[in-house]
Structure formats: C-alpha cells, structure tokens
Amino acid sequence: MGQRSRKRGQRQKPVATAPSPAQPAGRRRTSEERNAAVRATLAPYTRGERPWVVSVGAVLALLTGGVQLILYLAGVKLSVGDTRP
C-alpha cells in the first residue's frame, strides 16, 4: 500500500535492537528454526499418557457414531427445517 502525502514525516523509524549472541548479525531466524528450537524443549508423552480432552472426545465420537448407526438401522429419516415440495 502506498504512503499518502499527508502521512509523510509522521512515521517513526523502528528502533534497532542488538542481535543476540547466538544469532549472527543481520540475519533473522526463520519460522522453521524457531519451531525447531521450541520442539527441542518439548517432552513426548509416555506410553498410555494422553490429555483427558482427547479421551473425552474419543468417547463422545464413539457415542455419536453409535447413536447414528442405531437410528439408521431403525429407519429414522432426518427432516431439517420446513421443506416444501
């Protein structure tokens, strides 16, 4: 987007920060490098360990699928809204 003439002179230059010692001057880290640094600090789940939300979601999905299967086998037809021929 172009700069408008009335806005000239009102913008401030970004403040330069000193580069960190681990990072070479003049080069920014890519998002993949940042992701790799964060992944290195994560610990994987142990066998049999999972968040409770995943367990609850799996149970709800199983129940919903079971109810839908039972209703399908019973011949129940879903009517949505006020459909007119």
N, C-alpha and C. Protein backbone atom coordinates (compact mmCIF):
# COMPACT_ATOMS: atom_id res chain seq x y z
N MET A 1 0.84 -1.16 0.00
CA MET A 1 0.00 0.00 0.00
C MET A 1 0.90 1.23 0.00
N GLY A 2 0.59 2.19 -0.84
CA GLY A 2 1.42 3.38 -0.95
C GLY A 2 1.28 4.31 0.24
N GLN A 3 2.29 5.14 0.41
CA GLN A 3 2.28 6.09 1.52
C GLN A 3 1.60 7.37 1.03
N ARG A 4 0.69 7.89 1.79
CA ARG A 4 -0.01 9.10 1.42
C ARG A 4 0.82 10.32 1.77
N SER A 5 0.64 11.38 1.00
CA SER A 5 1.48 12.56 1.17
C SER A 5 1.28 13.22 2.53
N ARG A 6 0.07 13.20 3.06
CA ARG A 6 -0.17 13.86 4.34
C ARG A 6 0.42 13.07 5.51
N LYS A 7 0.77 11.83 5.25
CA LYS A 7 1.34 11.00 6.30
C LYS A 7 2.86 11.10 6.35
N ARG A 8 3.46 11.73 5.36
CA ARG A 8 4.92 11.78 5.32
C ARG A 8 5.47 12.52 6.51
N GLY A 9 6.53 11.98 7.06
CA GLY A 9 7.19 12.62 8.18
C GLY A 9 6.59 12.26 9.52
N GLN A 10 5.43 11.61 9.55
CA GLN A 10 4.79 11.28 10.82
C GLN A 10 5.20 9.90 11.33
N ARG A 11 5.71 9.08 10.45
CA ARG A 11 6.08 7.73 10.86
C ARG A 11 7.47 7.73 11.48
N GLN A 12 7.63 6.90 12.47
CA GLN A 12 8.92 6.81 13.14
C GLN A 12 9.65 5.58 12.64
N LYS A 13 10.94 5.67 12.60
CA LYS A 13 11.77 4.55 12.18
C LYS A 13 11.76 3.50 13.30
N PRO A 14 11.77 2.21 12.97
CA PRO A 14 11.81 1.19 14.02
C PRO A 14 13.13 1.25 14.78
N VAL A 15 13.03 1.00 16.07
CA VAL A 15 14.21 1.03 16.93
C VAL A 15 15.00 -0.24 16.70
N ALA A 16 16.28 -0.11 16.40
CA ALA A 16 17.13 -1.27 16.16
C ALA A 16 17.53 -1.89 17.50
N THR A 17 17.43 -3.21 17.58
CA THR A 17 17.81 -3.91 18.80
C THR A 17 19.14 -4.61 18.55
N ALA A 18 19.86 -4.84 19.60
CA ALA A 18 21.14 -5.53 19.48
C ALA A 18 20.89 -7.01 19.21
N PRO A 19 21.61 -7.62 18.27
CA PRO A 19 21.40 -9.04 17.99
C PRO A 19 21.87 -9.89 19.15
N SER A 20 21.19 -11.00 19.35
CA SER A 20 21.57 -11.90 20.43
C SER A 20 22.88 -12.60 20.07
N PRO A 21 23.66 -13.05 21.05
CA PRO A 21 24.94 -13.69 20.76
C PRO A 21 24.80 -14.98 19.97
N ALA A 22 23.69 -15.69 20.11
CA ALA A 22 23.51 -16.95 19.40
C ALA A 22 23.13 -16.74 17.94
N GLN A 23 22.74 -15.55 17.60
CA GLN A 23 22.25 -15.24 16.27
C GLN A 23 23.24 -14.33 15.55
N PRO A 24 23.65 -14.67 14.35
CA PRO A 24 24.58 -13.80 13.63
C PRO A 24 23.93 -12.47 13.29
N ALA A 25 24.74 -11.41 13.24
CA ALA A 25 24.22 -10.07 12.97
C ALA A 25 23.67 -10.01 11.55
N GLY A 26 22.54 -9.34 11.39
CA GLY A 26 21.96 -9.13 10.08
C GLY A 26 21.12 -10.29 9.56
N ARG A 27 20.96 -11.36 10.31
CA ARG A 27 20.18 -12.50 9.84
C ARG A 27 19.10 -12.82 10.86
N ARG A 28 17.87 -12.86 10.39
CA ARG A 28 16.75 -13.23 11.27
C ARG A 28 16.52 -14.72 11.19
N ARG A 29 16.04 -15.30 12.29
CA ARG A 29 15.73 -16.73 12.30
C ARG A 29 14.44 -16.97 11.54
N THR A 30 14.39 -18.04 10.79
CA THR A 30 13.17 -18.38 10.06
C THR A 30 12.19 -19.02 11.03
N SER A 31 10.95 -19.11 10.61
CA SER A 31 9.94 -19.71 11.47
C SER A 31 10.26 -21.18 11.71
N GLU A 32 10.85 -21.85 10.73
CA GLU A 32 11.20 -23.26 10.93
C GLU A 32 12.30 -23.41 11.97
N GLU A 33 13.23 -22.48 12.01
CA GLU A 33 14.28 -22.52 13.04
C GLU A 33 13.69 -22.27 14.42
N ARG A 34 12.75 -21.34 14.52
CA ARG A 34 12.09 -21.09 15.80
C ARG A 34 11.28 -22.30 16.23
N ASN A 35 10.57 -22.92 15.27
CA ASN A 35 9.78 -24.12 15.59
C ASN A 35 10.68 -25.24 16.08
N ALA A 36 11.83 -25.43 15.43
CA ALA A 36 12.75 -26.48 15.84
C ALA A 36 13.28 -26.23 17.25
N ALA A 37 13.54 -24.96 17.59
CA ALA A 37 14.02 -24.64 18.93
C ALA A 37 12.96 -24.94 19.98
N VAL A 38 11.72 -24.67 19.68
CA VAL A 38 10.64 -24.95 20.63
C VAL A 38 10.42 -26.45 20.75
N ARG A 39 10.46 -27.16 19.61
CA ARG A 39 10.26 -28.61 19.64
C ARG A 39 11.34 -29.32 20.46
N ALA A 40 12.54 -28.77 20.46
CA ALA A 40 13.63 -29.38 21.22
C ALA A 40 13.37 -29.34 22.72
N THR A 41 12.56 -28.38 23.18
CA THR A 41 12.28 -28.26 24.61
C THR A 41 11.10 -29.11 25.05
N LEU A 42 10.31 -29.65 24.10
CA LEU A 42 9.13 -30.44 24.45
C LEU A 42 9.50 -31.87 24.78
N ALA A 43 8.77 -32.45 25.72
CA ALA A 43 8.95 -33.85 26.08
C ALA A 43 7.76 -34.64 25.55
N PRO A 44 7.99 -35.78 24.89
CA PRO A 44 6.87 -36.56 24.35
C PRO A 44 6.08 -37.23 25.48
N TYR A 45 4.84 -37.56 25.18
CA TYR A 45 4.02 -38.27 26.15
C TYR A 45 4.57 -39.68 26.33
N THR A 46 4.44 -40.20 27.54
CA THR A 46 4.84 -41.58 27.78
C THR A 46 3.73 -42.51 27.31
N ARG A 47 4.05 -43.79 27.24
CA ARG A 47 3.07 -44.76 26.74
C ARG A 47 1.86 -44.79 27.68
N GLY A 48 0.66 -44.65 27.10
CA GLY A 48 -0.57 -44.68 27.88
C GLY A 48 -0.97 -43.33 28.45
N GLU A 49 -0.15 -42.30 28.25
CA GLU A 49 -0.47 -40.98 28.78
C GLU A 49 -1.04 -40.12 27.65
N ARG A 50 -2.17 -39.52 27.89
CA ARG A 50 -2.75 -38.61 26.92
C ARG A 50 -3.60 -37.59 27.65
N PRO A 51 -3.82 -36.42 27.06
CA PRO A 51 -4.66 -35.41 27.71
C PRO A 51 -6.09 -35.94 27.87
N TRP A 52 -6.76 -35.55 28.94
CA TRP A 52 -8.10 -36.04 29.21
C TRP A 52 -9.09 -35.57 28.15
N VAL A 53 -8.81 -34.45 27.52
CA VAL A 53 -9.72 -33.93 26.49
C VAL A 53 -9.76 -34.88 25.30
N VAL A 54 -8.65 -35.49 24.96
CA VAL A 54 -8.61 -36.44 23.85
C VAL A 54 -9.46 -37.66 24.19
N SER A 55 -9.39 -38.14 25.42
CA SER A 55 -10.18 -39.29 25.83
C SER A 55 -11.68 -38.97 25.80
N VAL A 56 -12.04 -37.81 26.30
CA VAL A 56 -13.46 -37.39 26.30
C VAL A 56 -13.95 -37.25 24.86
N GLY A 57 -13.14 -36.66 23.99
CA GLY A 57 -13.53 -36.50 22.58
C GLY A 57 -13.72 -37.84 21.90
N ALA A 58 -12.86 -38.80 22.19
CA ALA A 58 -12.99 -40.13 21.59
C ALA A 58 -14.27 -40.82 22.05
N VAL A 59 -14.58 -40.69 23.33
CA VAL A 59 -15.80 -41.31 23.86
C VAL A 59 -17.04 -40.67 23.24
N LEU A 60 -17.04 -39.34 23.14
CA LEU A 60 -18.19 -38.65 22.53
C LEU A 60 -18.35 -39.02 21.06
N ALA A 61 -17.26 -39.13 20.33
CA ALA A 61 -17.33 -39.52 18.92
C ALA A 61 -17.89 -40.93 18.78
N LEU A 62 -17.46 -41.84 19.65
CA LEU A 62 -17.95 -43.21 19.63
C LEU A 62 -19.45 -43.26 19.93
N LEU A 63 -19.89 -42.51 20.94
CA LEU A 63 -21.31 -42.49 21.29
C LEU A 63 -22.15 -41.89 20.16
N THR A 64 -21.69 -40.80 19.57
CA THR A 64 -22.43 -40.16 18.48
C THR A 64 -22.54 -41.10 17.28
N GLY A 65 -21.45 -41.75 16.95
CA GLY A 65 -21.47 -42.70 15.83
C GLY A 65 -22.39 -43.87 16.10
N GLY A 66 -22.38 -44.36 17.33
CA GLY A 66 -23.27 -45.46 17.70
C GLY A 66 -24.73 -45.09 17.61
N VAL A 67 -25.07 -43.91 18.09
CA VAL A 67 -26.46 -43.45 18.02
C VAL A 67 -26.89 -43.28 16.57
N GLN A 68 -26.03 -42.72 15.75
CA GLN A 68 -26.38 -42.54 14.33
C GLN A 68 -26.57 -43.89 13.63
N LEU A 69 -25.72 -44.85 13.95
CA LEU A 69 -25.86 -46.18 13.36
C LEU A 69 -27.17 -46.83 13.77
N ILE A 70 -27.52 -46.73 15.03
CA ILE A 70 -28.78 -47.31 15.53
C ILE A 70 -29.97 -46.63 14.86
N LEU A 71 -29.94 -45.30 14.74
CA LEU A 71 -31.05 -44.60 14.10
C LEU A 71 -31.15 -44.96 12.62
N TYR A 72 -30.02 -45.14 11.95
CA TYR A 72 -30.04 -45.52 10.54
C TYR A 72 -30.64 -46.91 10.36
N LEU A 73 -30.22 -47.84 11.22
CA LEU A 73 -30.75 -49.20 11.13
C LEU A 73 -32.23 -49.25 11.50
N ALA A 74 -32.69 -48.31 12.33
CA ALA A 74 -34.10 -48.25 12.70
C ALA A 74 -34.93 -47.58 11.62
N GLY A 75 -34.30 -46.97 10.63
CA GLY A 75 -35.03 -46.36 9.53
C GLY A 75 -35.50 -44.95 9.81
N VAL A 76 -34.92 -44.28 10.76
CA VAL A 76 -35.30 -42.91 11.08
C VAL A 76 -34.76 -41.97 10.01
N LYS A 77 -35.63 -41.11 9.48
CA LYS A 77 -35.23 -40.12 8.48
C LYS A 77 -35.18 -38.75 9.15
N LEU A 78 -34.14 -38.03 8.88
CA LEU A 78 -33.94 -36.70 9.46
C LEU A 78 -34.62 -35.68 8.57
N SER A 79 -35.51 -34.85 9.15
CA SER A 79 -36.12 -33.76 8.39
C SER A 79 -35.59 -32.46 8.97
N VAL A 80 -34.96 -31.68 8.10
CA VAL A 80 -34.34 -30.45 8.52
C VAL A 80 -35.16 -29.28 8.01
N GLY A 81 -35.56 -28.41 8.93
CA GLY A 81 -36.29 -27.20 8.56
C GLY A 81 -37.67 -27.51 8.01
N ASP A 82 -38.23 -26.54 7.32
CA ASP A 82 -39.56 -26.64 6.75
C ASP A 82 -39.42 -26.83 5.25
N THR A 83 -39.25 -28.07 4.84
CA THR A 83 -39.08 -28.34 3.42
C THR A 83 -40.43 -28.50 2.76
N ARG A 84 -40.61 -27.81 1.64
CA ARG A 84 -41.87 -27.89 0.88
C ARG A 84 -41.56 -28.43 -0.52
N PRO A 85 -42.47 -29.26 -1.03
CA PRO A 85 -42.23 -29.83 -2.37
C PRO A 85 -42.34 -28.82 -3.48
